[in-house]
Amino acid sequence: MNVVLSTLIGCILIISACTPSKQNKISQLEEAAEVIRKTTVPDRRMGVFQFNKDEHGNIISFETDHPEAAKRVDSLLKAHSFTEVSIVSLPDAALGDSLYAIVRVGVANLRGQPRHGAELVDQVVMGSPLRILKRQGSWIYVQTNYRYLGWMTPESVVITDANGFQAWENKPKVQVQIVSSNVYEKMDLSSLRISDLSMNAILALRADRGQWTEVELADGRVGFVPSPDVGIPKVIQQKVPKGWQIVRTALRFHGIPYLWGGNSSRGFDCSGYTQTVYAANGYQLPRDANMQVELGIDVPFDSSFTNVIPGDLLFFGENDRITHVGISLGGPQFIHASNFVMMNSLDPSDKDYAASRRNTLKRIKRLQTNQENL
């Protein structure tokens, strides 16, 4: 019996060696698909291009939010005889008309996976618009207005259709212009707090009541904010803010703690900090440092840093990898989110000199070609 079994196993091994296995076919398919991904969804942080597999490693579906990627992968699957694999174009048709969301809490967390213990990849503040791509269990997969992707709990947002979203967009708004504030039940600082607010939070304007502003949240709750804390919303545009405006905003956050994935007044990572500062002045930066470094023009620098002006972005890293970003205060001085939002210098003679940052400084970028932002 053992001889027969050994012979059968030997035959199976010979046959397996002579014909491509299912796993080899899957690997070949994925290699071919990667060529498509690089031209259609080059950055997975801002676009979906994903094969879903079962517990045995078999491909069961392909998901993407890029129509051209869906078309090309569909042809690829047929060419490789994977006709049983379904194509899921996002937003998922199962969502119906509920494709929009508006943040209803002070700060909503975006996770890398649909679970509370997953990596915090980003945050969005109250009033921020989101596009919903799909649901999984008690989580929704959303995309921010700067295209960043992440998982969020539905309780953090108001989910609506295009009409509901447009109705919210059409309401007059105010924007939080200080580091943090609150919405109160009454025009009284000792009254019940309805919600906390971070800089750049958006609320619907109901009435100007002098020292107080009556506001409405995305979920319909009504309350009051101290009038000095809010103002007319900044329109995101291509015009680069002046350097003094960037520095003035950046300094307001001094001392705010570092938080990986943080992008609010509760805590920042380095690029969340620079993104928030620029957004407060009407300019939208991409989310991560290695995205932000692709903008603007390079600023040549030497040990004096005399040609570095306020508002320039300083990028740090290892080898060719950018891992950190800060905002120039002019010359060798800069401010950044490290252990907390702090100021440092690239000049060894300064008491706040940061040797580790000087040794890893890779590039300095300016978001315009002249010095009008001084």
Protein backbone atom coordinates (compact mmCIF):
# COMPACT_ATOMS: atom_id res chain seq x y z
CA MET A 1 0.00 0.00 0.00
CA ASN A 2 2.84 2.38 0.86
CA VAL A 3 4.51 1.62 -2.49
CA VAL A 4 1.31 2.41 -4.39
CA LEU A 5 0.79 5.64 -2.43
CA SER A 6 4.37 6.71 -3.06
CA THR A 7 3.97 6.02 -6.76
CA LEU A 8 0.79 8.11 -6.93
CA ILE A 9 2.40 11.00 -5.12
CA GLY A 10 5.36 10.80 -7.49
CA CYS A 11 3.06 10.93 -10.50
CA ILE A 12 1.22 13.95 -9.05
CA LEU A 13 4.50 15.77 -8.51
CA ILE A 14 5.59 15.03 -12.07
CA ILE A 15 2.30 16.28 -13.50
CA SER A 16 2.43 19.40 -11.31
CA ALA A 17 5.93 20.18 -12.51
CA CYS A 18 4.90 19.88 -16.14
CA THR A 19 1.77 22.07 -16.04
CA PRO A 20 1.42 25.63 -14.66
CA SER A 21 -0.25 25.61 -11.26
CA LYS A 22 -3.18 27.83 -10.37
CA GLN A 23 -0.88 29.87 -8.18
CA ASN A 24 1.50 30.45 -11.06
CA LYS A 25 -1.39 31.63 -13.20
CA ILE A 26 -2.48 34.01 -10.46
CA SER A 27 1.06 35.37 -10.12
CA GLN A 28 1.30 35.91 -13.87
CA LEU A 29 -2.05 37.69 -13.85
CA GLU A 30 -1.02 39.95 -10.99
CA GLU A 31 2.24 40.85 -12.71
CA ALA A 32 0.37 41.84 -15.85
CA ALA A 33 -2.18 43.77 -13.80
CA GLU A 34 0.58 45.73 -12.07
CA VAL A 35 1.50 47.26 -15.42
CA ILE A 36 -2.10 48.49 -15.74
CA ARG A 37 -2.12 49.80 -12.16
CA LYS A 38 0.96 51.96 -12.66
CA THR A 39 -0.75 53.89 -15.46
CA THR A 40 -4.28 54.08 -14.03
CA VAL A 41 -3.95 54.07 -10.22
CA PRO A 42 -0.31 54.98 -9.55
CA ASP A 43 -0.92 55.75 -5.87
CA ARG A 44 -3.05 53.35 -3.85
CA ARG A 45 -3.54 55.98 -1.15
CA MET A 46 -5.73 57.89 -3.62
CA GLY A 47 -7.24 55.19 -5.78
CA VAL A 48 -8.52 51.61 -5.51
CA PHE A 49 -6.94 48.78 -7.51
CA GLN A 50 -7.39 45.53 -5.63
CA PHE A 51 -7.82 41.80 -6.19
CA ASN A 52 -9.90 40.12 -3.48
CA LYS A 53 -9.10 36.51 -2.63
CA ASP A 54 -10.70 33.71 -0.63
CA GLU A 55 -9.01 31.78 2.18
CA HIS A 56 -7.32 29.51 -0.36
CA GLY A 57 -5.73 32.36 -2.27
CA ASN A 58 -8.11 32.17 -5.22
CA ILE A 59 -9.12 35.48 -6.81
CA ILE A 60 -12.84 36.07 -6.43
CA SER A 61 -13.21 39.71 -7.51
CA PHE A 62 -11.40 42.84 -8.65
CA GLU A 63 -12.24 46.31 -7.26
CA THR A 64 -11.38 49.73 -8.61
CA ASP A 65 -12.72 53.27 -8.72
CA HIS A 66 -11.02 53.92 -12.06
CA PRO A 67 -13.19 53.08 -15.11
CA GLU A 68 -10.24 52.55 -17.44
CA ALA A 69 -8.61 50.19 -14.93
CA ALA A 70 -11.85 48.18 -14.72
CA LYS A 71 -12.03 47.89 -18.50
CA ARG A 72 -8.42 46.85 -18.96
CA VAL A 73 -8.37 44.36 -16.07
CA ASP A 74 -11.60 42.81 -17.34
CA SER A 75 -9.88 42.14 -20.68
CA LEU A 76 -6.84 40.82 -18.86
CA LEU A 77 -8.91 38.39 -16.78
CA LYS A 78 -10.56 37.00 -19.90
CA ALA A 79 -7.22 36.65 -21.66
CA HIS A 80 -5.91 34.61 -18.71
CA SER A 81 -9.09 32.52 -18.50
CA PHE A 82 -10.23 33.96 -15.16
CA THR A 83 -13.78 34.34 -16.40
CA GLU A 84 -15.27 33.56 -12.96
CA VAL A 85 -13.74 36.68 -11.40
CA SER A 86 -16.21 39.55 -11.04
CA ILE A 87 -15.41 43.22 -11.61
CA VAL A 88 -16.61 45.60 -8.88
CA SER A 89 -16.62 49.24 -9.97
CA LEU A 90 -16.64 51.72 -7.10
CA PRO A 91 -18.69 53.39 -5.76
CA ASP A 92 -20.39 50.05 -5.12
CA ALA A 93 -23.83 49.80 -6.73
CA ALA A 94 -25.11 48.37 -3.43
CA LEU A 95 -24.85 51.88 -1.93
CA GLY A 96 -27.70 53.10 -4.10
CA ASP A 97 -27.92 56.89 -4.04
CA SER A 98 -26.16 57.21 -0.66
CA LEU A 99 -22.78 58.15 -2.05
CA TYR A 100 -21.98 61.23 0.01
CA ALA A 101 -21.09 61.95 3.61
CA ILE A 102 -20.50 65.04 5.73
CA VAL A 103 -18.52 64.83 8.97
CA ARG A 104 -20.78 65.45 11.98
CA VAL A 105 -18.24 65.14 14.82
CA GLY A 106 -15.36 67.39 15.80
CA VAL A 107 -12.77 65.08 14.27
CA ALA A 108 -13.43 61.85 12.36
CA ASN A 109 -10.70 59.20 12.16
CA LEU A 110 -9.78 57.34 8.97
CA ARG A 111 -8.33 53.87 9.49
CA GLY A 112 -6.25 51.71 7.20
CA GLN A 113 -8.55 48.74 7.81
CA PRO A 114 -12.22 48.45 8.92
CA ARG A 115 -11.49 48.00 12.61
CA HIS A 116 -10.81 50.34 15.52
CA GLY A 117 -7.38 48.88 16.20
CA ALA A 118 -6.14 49.54 12.67
CA GLU A 119 -3.58 52.20 11.77
CA LEU A 120 -4.82 55.78 11.88
CA VAL A 121 -4.09 57.06 8.37
CA ASP A 122 -5.80 60.45 8.46
CA GLN A 123 -8.39 62.66 10.13
CA VAL A 124 -11.08 64.98 8.76
CA VAL A 125 -12.72 67.78 10.69
CA MET A 126 -16.37 68.68 11.12
CA GLY A 127 -18.22 69.69 7.96
CA SER A 128 -15.73 68.02 5.62
CA PRO A 129 -17.31 66.42 2.52
CA LEU A 130 -16.57 62.78 1.70
CA ARG A 131 -17.37 60.38 -1.09
CA ILE A 132 -18.44 56.87 -0.04
CA LEU A 133 -17.04 54.00 -2.10
CA LYS A 134 -18.34 50.91 -0.28
CA ARG A 135 -19.50 49.37 2.99
CA GLN A 136 -18.05 46.47 4.93
CA GLY A 137 -19.85 45.41 8.08
CA SER A 138 -20.21 48.46 10.31
CA TRP A 139 -17.65 50.52 8.37
CA ILE A 140 -17.66 52.72 5.28
CA TYR A 141 -14.77 53.25 2.88
CA VAL A 142 -14.49 56.93 2.02
CA GLN A 143 -12.44 59.37 -0.04
CA THR A 144 -11.65 62.91 1.09
CA ASN A 145 -11.79 65.97 -1.14
CA TYR A 146 -8.02 65.61 -1.57
CA ARG A 147 -8.63 61.99 -2.67
CA TYR A 148 -7.13 60.23 0.36
CA LEU A 149 -8.78 56.90 1.21
CA GLY A 150 -9.68 55.31 4.52
CA TRP A 151 -12.24 53.45 6.63
CA MET A 152 -14.60 55.32 8.93
CA THR A 153 -17.50 54.53 11.23
CA PRO A 154 -20.87 55.70 9.80
CA GLU A 155 -21.69 57.30 13.15
CA SER A 156 -19.03 59.94 12.42
CA VAL A 157 -20.90 61.30 9.41
CA VAL A 158 -24.25 62.16 7.89
CA ILE A 159 -24.81 59.93 4.87
CA THR A 160 -26.85 61.47 2.10
CA ASP A 161 -27.62 61.46 -1.61
CA ALA A 162 -26.64 64.08 -4.19
CA ASN A 163 -29.62 66.29 -3.37
CA GLY A 164 -28.95 66.22 0.35
CA PHE A 165 -25.29 66.92 -0.22
CA GLN A 166 -26.05 69.85 -2.51
CA ALA A 167 -28.52 71.25 0.01
CA TRP A 168 -25.75 71.29 2.63
CA GLU A 169 -23.28 72.83 0.17
CA ASN A 170 -25.71 75.63 -0.66
CA LYS A 171 -26.10 76.78 2.94
CA PRO A 172 -24.06 79.83 4.01
CA LYS A 173 -21.09 78.70 6.08
CA VAL A 174 -18.57 79.77 8.67
CA GLN A 175 -15.14 78.26 9.23
CA VAL A 176 -13.25 77.88 12.50
CA GLN A 177 -10.21 80.17 12.35
CA ILE A 178 -8.55 79.49 15.70
CA VAL A 179 -6.80 76.35 16.93
CA SER A 180 -9.86 75.00 18.73
CA SER A 181 -13.33 76.05 19.80
CA ASN A 182 -16.69 74.58 20.81
CA VAL A 183 -20.35 74.61 19.86
CA TYR A 184 -22.49 75.41 22.92
CA GLU A 185 -26.15 74.74 23.59
CA LYS A 186 -26.71 78.36 24.62
CA MET A 187 -24.93 81.70 24.25
CA ASP A 188 -23.07 80.94 27.44
CA LEU A 189 -19.63 79.39 27.90
CA SER A 190 -20.93 77.51 30.95
CA SER A 191 -23.75 75.87 28.98
CA LEU A 192 -23.67 72.32 27.65
CA ARG A 193 -21.03 71.72 24.98
CA ILE A 194 -22.54 70.16 21.86
CA SER A 195 -19.25 69.49 20.07
CA ASP A 196 -15.60 70.44 20.03
CA LEU A 197 -14.16 72.13 16.94
CA SER A 198 -10.74 72.15 15.29
CA MET A 199 -9.31 74.76 12.95
CA ASN A 200 -10.88 74.59 9.46
CA ALA A 201 -14.11 72.97 10.72
CA ILE A 202 -17.12 74.05 8.66
CA LEU A 203 -20.58 74.87 10.06
CA ALA A 204 -23.76 76.21 8.49
CA LEU A 205 -24.49 79.81 9.43
CA ARG A 206 -27.93 80.49 10.90
CA ALA A 207 -27.57 83.97 12.39
CA ASP A 208 -25.05 86.53 13.60
CA ARG A 209 -25.96 87.34 17.19
CA GLY A 210 -23.19 89.76 18.04
CA GLN A 211 -20.68 88.10 20.33
CA TRP A 212 -22.13 84.74 19.34
CA THR A 213 -22.83 83.05 16.01
CA GLU A 214 -25.74 80.65 15.71
CA VAL A 215 -24.72 77.60 13.67
CA GLU A 216 -26.10 74.32 12.41
CA LEU A 217 -24.17 71.05 12.23
CA ALA A 218 -24.46 68.66 9.30
CA ASP A 219 -26.82 66.43 11.32
CA GLY A 220 -29.22 69.30 12.05
CA ARG A 221 -28.14 70.09 15.60
CA VAL A 222 -28.14 73.80 16.37
CA GLY A 223 -25.86 75.67 18.73
CA PHE A 224 -23.68 78.72 19.29
CA VAL A 225 -20.01 79.52 18.71
CA PRO A 226 -18.16 82.59 20.00
CA SER A 227 -18.13 84.95 17.00
CA PRO A 228 -14.37 85.75 17.18
CA ASP A 229 -13.64 82.02 16.63
CA VAL A 230 -15.21 81.81 13.15
CA GLY A 231 -15.12 83.65 9.86
CA ILE A 232 -15.89 83.41 6.17
CA PRO A 233 -14.65 80.05 4.82
CA LYS A 234 -11.38 80.10 2.89
CA VAL A 235 -11.91 79.18 -0.75
CA ILE A 236 -9.41 76.55 -1.84
CA GLN A 237 -7.57 78.01 -4.82
CA GLN A 238 -4.28 77.79 -6.67
CA LYS A 239 -2.99 81.12 -5.38
CA VAL A 240 -0.18 80.46 -2.92
CA PRO A 241 -0.61 82.23 0.45
CA LYS A 242 1.93 84.80 1.52
CA GLY A 243 4.76 83.56 3.68
CA TRP A 244 3.80 85.67 6.68
CA GLN A 245 0.28 84.22 6.56
CA ILE A 246 1.64 80.66 6.61
CA VAL A 247 4.01 81.43 9.49
CA ARG A 248 1.31 83.20 11.51
CA THR A 249 -0.95 80.16 11.26
CA ALA A 250 1.86 77.67 11.83
CA LEU A 251 2.92 79.32 15.09
CA ARG A 252 -0.59 79.07 16.53
CA PHE A 253 -0.20 75.30 16.78
CA HIS A 254 3.05 75.39 18.75
CA GLY A 255 2.91 72.73 21.47
CA ILE A 256 0.17 70.59 19.89
CA PRO A 257 1.23 66.92 20.38
CA TYR A 258 2.43 64.62 17.62
CA LEU A 259 -0.02 61.96 16.47
CA TRP A 260 0.66 59.47 13.69
CA GLY A 261 -2.09 60.06 11.13
CA GLY A 262 -3.18 63.19 13.00
CA ASN A 263 -4.61 66.02 10.92
CA SER A 264 -6.45 68.20 13.44
CA SER A 265 -5.93 70.45 16.43
CA ARG A 266 -6.01 67.34 18.64
CA GLY A 267 -2.69 66.15 17.21
CA PHE A 268 -0.63 66.20 14.02
CA ASP A 269 1.80 64.14 12.09
CA CYS A 270 4.29 66.19 10.08
CA SER A 271 2.38 66.35 6.79
CA GLY A 272 -1.02 66.65 8.46
CA TYR A 273 0.37 69.77 10.13
CA THR A 274 1.59 71.37 6.91
CA GLN A 275 -1.64 70.42 5.13
CA THR A 276 -3.79 72.00 7.86
CA VAL A 277 -1.72 75.19 7.94
CA TYR A 278 -1.91 75.69 4.20
CA ALA A 279 -5.62 74.75 4.04
CA ALA A 280 -6.36 77.42 6.67
CA ASN A 281 -4.95 79.89 4.16
CA GLY A 282 -6.88 78.58 1.17
CA TYR A 283 -4.31 76.25 -0.41
CA GLN A 284 -4.74 72.48 -0.61
CA LEU A 285 -1.61 70.37 -0.19
CA PRO A 286 -1.64 66.60 -0.76
CA ARG A 287 -1.79 64.48 2.38
CA ASP A 288 1.69 62.97 2.78
CA ALA A 289 5.23 64.39 2.76
CA ASN A 290 6.31 62.33 -0.24
CA MET A 291 3.31 63.75 -2.13
CA GLN A 292 3.92 67.34 -1.05
CA VAL A 293 7.53 67.22 -2.21
CA GLU A 294 6.32 66.85 -5.79
CA LEU A 295 4.93 70.40 -5.76
CA GLY A 296 6.67 73.68 -6.48
CA ILE A 297 10.25 74.40 -7.47
CA ASP A 298 13.49 73.37 -5.79
CA VAL A 299 15.26 76.01 -3.71
CA PRO A 300 19.05 75.64 -3.77
CA PHE A 301 20.55 76.02 -0.31
CA ASP A 302 23.90 76.18 1.42
CA SER A 303 24.92 76.22 5.07
CA SER A 304 23.72 79.81 5.50
CA PHE A 305 20.17 79.18 4.22
CA THR A 306 19.96 82.87 3.32
CA ASN A 307 17.81 82.23 0.25
CA VAL A 308 15.20 80.21 2.19
CA ILE A 309 12.07 82.29 2.81
CA PRO A 310 9.07 81.95 5.15
CA GLY A 311 6.54 79.41 3.92
CA ASP A 312 9.03 77.26 2.02
CA LEU A 313 8.66 73.54 2.70
CA LEU A 314 11.63 71.60 4.05
CA PHE A 315 11.80 67.88 3.31
CA PHE A 316 13.83 65.32 5.21
CA GLY A 317 14.49 61.63 4.69
CA GLU A 318 16.84 58.74 4.12
CA ASN A 319 18.43 57.98 0.76
CA ASP A 320 15.73 58.85 -1.81
CA ARG A 321 12.84 58.41 0.62
CA ILE A 322 11.10 61.50 2.00
CA THR A 323 9.85 60.88 5.54
CA HIS A 324 9.35 64.29 7.14
CA VAL A 325 8.31 67.85 6.28
CA GLY A 326 8.46 71.21 8.03
CA ILE A 327 7.69 74.87 7.30
CA SER A 328 10.44 77.45 6.98
CA LEU A 329 10.34 80.48 9.26
CA GLY A 330 13.04 82.07 7.11
CA GLY A 331 16.75 81.29 6.98
CA PRO A 332 17.74 78.22 9.03
CA GLN A 333 14.70 78.37 11.31
CA PHE A 334 11.72 76.07 10.77
CA ILE A 335 8.65 74.73 12.54
CA HIS A 336 7.39 71.15 12.32
CA ALA A 337 5.39 68.44 14.05
CA SER A 338 7.92 66.15 15.72
CA ASN A 339 7.37 65.13 19.35
CA PHE A 340 5.02 68.10 19.29
CA VAL A 341 4.77 71.16 17.05
CA MET A 342 8.11 72.81 17.73
CA MET A 343 10.66 75.22 16.28
CA ASN A 344 14.18 74.15 15.39
CA SER A 345 17.18 75.45 13.52
CA LEU A 346 19.53 74.06 10.90
CA ASP A 347 22.32 76.35 12.14
CA PRO A 348 24.73 74.59 14.55
CA SER A 349 25.33 77.86 16.41
CA ASP A 350 21.67 78.14 17.44
CA LYS A 351 20.51 76.68 20.75
CA ASP A 352 17.57 74.93 19.06
CA TYR A 353 19.80 73.32 16.44
CA ALA A 354 18.51 69.90 15.30
CA ALA A 355 21.50 67.93 14.06
CA SER A 356 19.39 64.96 13.01
CA ARG A 357 17.27 67.21 10.78
CA ARG A 358 20.28 68.97 9.26
CA ASN A 359 21.83 65.60 8.45
CA THR A 360 18.67 64.33 6.77
CA LEU A 361 17.58 67.50 4.92
CA LYS A 362 16.99 66.49 1.32
CA ARG A 363 15.11 69.23 -0.47
CA ILE A 364 13.54 72.64 0.01
CA LYS A 365 10.54 73.46 -2.16
CA ARG A 366 8.79 76.74 -2.92
CA LEU A 367 5.22 76.78 -4.14
CA GLN A 368 5.77 79.78 -6.43
CA THR A 369 8.58 81.11 -8.56
CA ASN A 370 9.06 84.51 -6.93
CA GLN A 371 9.25 86.03 -3.48
CA GLU A 372 5.88 87.78 -3.44
CA ASN A 373 4.91 85.66 -0.45
CA LEU A 374 7.39 87.39 1.86
